[in-house]
Amino acid sequence: MDKFGDRNIFVVYTGKNPDIYEIWDEFLEQVDHFPVVKYDIFQTYAQAETAWFKHLNRVALQNIYESRKREGWCGGDKVVRTGNNFL
């Protein structure tokens, strides 16, 4: 039995090496003495994986938004129609 029960899966969003961890000691290495950490604990790997991929998608979308914002594409500055699509 580990620190939090029979079996836990740890998702480190912010830490030394963000990822999914199944072993308490490996998880602890990623968050111990790190200035700001964000993590979740799940009972199944499937739950952890779902949360991890949602996090990655959110980060990717934020990066795309920030990039387009820097280029002046957000905020109604530029709307370009190409065929049936809007950019």
Protein backbone atom coordinates (compact mmCIF):
# COMPACT_ATOMS: atom_id res chain seq x y z
CA MET A 1 0.00 0.00 0.00
CA ASP A 2 1.38 3.43 -0.93
CA LYS A 3 0.90 6.86 0.67
CA PHE A 4 -2.63 7.46 -0.67
CA GLY A 5 -4.18 4.00 -0.84
CA ASP A 6 -3.89 0.83 -2.83
CA ARG A 7 -2.96 2.38 -6.18
CA ASN A 8 -2.80 5.93 -7.37
CA ILE A 9 -1.74 7.59 -10.57
CA PHE A 10 -0.20 11.04 -10.31
CA VAL A 11 -0.47 13.65 -13.06
CA VAL A 12 2.10 16.42 -12.68
CA TYR A 13 1.02 19.47 -14.69
CA THR A 14 3.63 21.83 -13.25
CA GLY A 15 6.81 20.44 -11.73
CA LYS A 16 10.32 19.35 -12.71
CA ASN A 17 9.11 16.99 -15.46
CA PRO A 18 5.35 17.21 -16.10
CA ASP A 19 3.96 13.77 -16.95
CA ILE A 20 1.99 10.81 -15.57
CA TYR A 21 3.60 8.88 -12.70
CA GLU A 22 2.56 5.58 -11.13
CA ILE A 23 5.25 5.37 -8.46
CA TRP A 24 5.10 7.58 -5.37
CA ASP A 25 8.88 8.18 -5.20
CA GLU A 26 9.05 9.20 -8.86
CA PHE A 27 6.10 11.56 -8.37
CA LEU A 28 7.70 13.04 -5.27
CA GLU A 29 10.95 13.74 -7.17
CA GLN A 30 8.97 15.87 -9.64
CA VAL A 31 7.21 18.08 -7.07
CA ASP A 32 9.55 18.14 -4.07
CA HIS A 33 11.35 21.51 -3.70
CA PHE A 34 9.79 22.84 -6.91
CA PRO A 35 8.58 26.43 -6.33
CA VAL A 36 5.07 26.05 -7.80
CA VAL A 37 3.50 22.66 -8.43
CA LYS A 38 0.17 21.59 -9.85
CA TYR A 39 -0.87 17.95 -9.83
CA ASP A 40 -3.86 15.63 -9.54
CA ILE A 41 -4.22 12.13 -8.15
CA PHE A 42 -6.37 9.53 -9.91
CA GLN A 43 -7.46 5.98 -9.16
CA THR A 44 -7.04 4.67 -12.71
CA TYR A 45 -4.54 5.23 -15.48
CA ALA A 46 -7.39 5.97 -17.91
CA GLN A 47 -8.60 8.86 -15.73
CA ALA A 48 -5.06 10.20 -15.43
CA GLU A 49 -4.45 9.92 -19.15
CA THR A 50 -7.70 11.75 -19.95
CA ALA A 51 -6.75 14.60 -17.61
CA TRP A 52 -3.21 14.72 -19.02
CA PHE A 53 -4.39 14.98 -22.64
CA LYS A 54 -6.99 17.63 -21.74
CA HIS A 55 -4.18 19.59 -20.13
CA LEU A 56 -1.96 19.21 -23.21
CA ASN A 57 -4.80 20.34 -25.49
CA ARG A 58 -5.47 23.37 -23.28
CA VAL A 59 -1.77 24.31 -23.37
CA ALA A 60 -1.62 23.87 -27.15
CA LEU A 61 -4.72 26.01 -27.70
CA GLN A 62 -3.37 28.69 -25.37
CA ASN A 63 -0.08 28.71 -27.31
CA ILE A 64 -1.94 29.06 -30.62
CA TYR A 65 -4.06 31.88 -29.22
CA GLU A 66 -1.02 33.73 -27.83
CA SER A 67 0.82 33.33 -31.12
CA ARG A 68 -2.11 34.67 -33.14
CA LYS A 69 -2.61 37.47 -30.66
CA ARG A 70 1.01 38.58 -31.12
CA GLU A 71 0.47 38.51 -34.88
CA GLY A 72 -2.69 40.62 -34.59
CA TRP A 73 -5.17 37.88 -35.54
CA CYS A 74 -7.24 38.02 -32.34
CA GLY A 75 -9.53 40.74 -31.11
CA GLY A 76 -11.22 41.34 -34.46
CA ASP A 77 -8.18 42.96 -36.04
CA LYS A 78 -7.94 40.61 -38.99
CA VAL A 79 -10.61 38.35 -40.38
CA VAL A 80 -9.75 36.74 -43.66
CA ARG A 81 -12.24 34.65 -45.61
CA THR A 82 -10.75 31.81 -47.63
CA GLY A 83 -13.48 29.88 -49.42
CA ASN A 84 -15.94 28.75 -46.77
CA ASN A 85 -13.43 29.12 -43.94
CA PHE A 86 -12.52 32.07 -41.78
CA LEU A 87 -9.00 32.59 -40.48
